Protein backbone atom coordinates (compact mmCIF):
# COMPACT_ATOMS: atom_id res chain seq x y z
CA MET A 1 -12.74 -16.26 33.84
CA LYS A 2 -12.38 -17.17 30.18
CA ARG A 3 -11.73 -20.86 29.58
CA ASP A 4 -8.60 -21.63 27.56
CA LYS A 5 -9.09 -24.45 25.06
CA ASN A 6 -5.38 -25.35 25.26
CA ILE A 7 -5.40 -26.16 28.98
CA LYS A 8 -5.93 -29.83 29.77
CA SER A 9 -7.03 -31.22 33.12
CA TYR A 10 -6.19 -34.73 34.29
CA THR A 11 -6.94 -36.79 37.36
CA ALA A 12 -3.95 -38.06 39.34
CA ALA A 13 -4.34 -41.54 37.84
CA GLU A 14 -4.41 -40.49 34.17
CA PRO A 15 -0.74 -39.44 33.78
CA LYS A 16 0.36 -42.64 35.56
CA ALA A 17 -1.72 -44.70 33.15
CA ARG A 18 -0.20 -42.91 30.16
CA ARG A 19 3.32 -43.56 31.46
CA ALA A 20 2.45 -47.23 31.92
CA GLN A 21 1.55 -47.40 28.22
CA SER A 22 5.01 -46.23 27.18
CA ARG A 23 6.83 -48.59 24.85
CA THR A 24 10.23 -47.32 25.99
CA ASP A 25 12.32 -50.08 27.55
CA LEU A 26 13.76 -48.12 30.46
CA ASP A 27 15.74 -51.10 31.76
CA GLN A 28 17.55 -51.36 28.42
CA PHE A 29 18.11 -47.60 28.42
CA ASP A 30 19.54 -47.65 31.95
CA ALA A 31 21.84 -50.56 31.06
CA GLN A 32 23.56 -48.62 28.25
CA THR A 33 27.09 -47.49 28.97
CA ASP A 34 28.42 -44.04 28.20
CA ALA A 35 30.46 -45.53 25.35
CA GLU A 36 27.34 -47.06 23.81
CA LEU A 37 25.49 -43.76 24.07
CA GLU A 38 28.39 -41.91 22.47
CA ARG A 39 28.38 -44.44 19.61
CA LEU A 40 24.62 -44.04 19.09
CA VAL A 41 24.95 -40.26 19.03
CA ALA A 42 27.84 -40.48 16.56
CA GLU A 43 25.70 -42.65 14.26
CA ASP A 44 22.80 -40.17 14.33
CA GLU A 45 22.97 -37.93 11.26
CA ASP A 46 21.34 -35.01 13.09
CA GLU A 47 23.93 -35.12 15.87
CA ARG A 48 26.98 -35.85 13.73
CA GLY A 49 29.72 -33.31 14.25
CA LEU A 50 28.06 -31.59 17.21
CA ARG A 51 30.10 -31.42 20.39
CA ALA A 52 28.78 -29.92 23.59
CA ASP A 53 30.92 -27.15 25.06
CA TRP A 54 30.24 -27.12 28.80
CA THR A 55 33.15 -24.79 29.63
CA ARG A 56 30.90 -21.70 29.67
CA ALA A 57 27.81 -23.37 31.16
CA LYS A 58 26.09 -21.52 33.99
CA LEU A 59 23.61 -22.77 36.54
CA VAL A 60 20.55 -20.53 36.41
CA LEU A 61 17.97 -21.01 39.14
CA PRO A 62 14.51 -19.50 38.87
CA GLN A 63 13.62 -16.76 41.30
CA ALA A 64 11.19 -17.66 44.05
CA LYS A 65 7.65 -16.42 43.61
CA GLN A 66 6.59 -13.62 45.89
């Protein structure tokens, strides 16, 4: 089988170690209210004016493998 140079292999401990190095303060993120999140989105220039329309959203589940 030809080896693909884009495929990476990790031990079980390596992804956990990389997550531990994250500088994201998840406690601060979890403490944010919906109103605070809406305010942050409104202040973001890339998101300004965009409103999600969930009225036509559909749940699409993948088919089971045979």
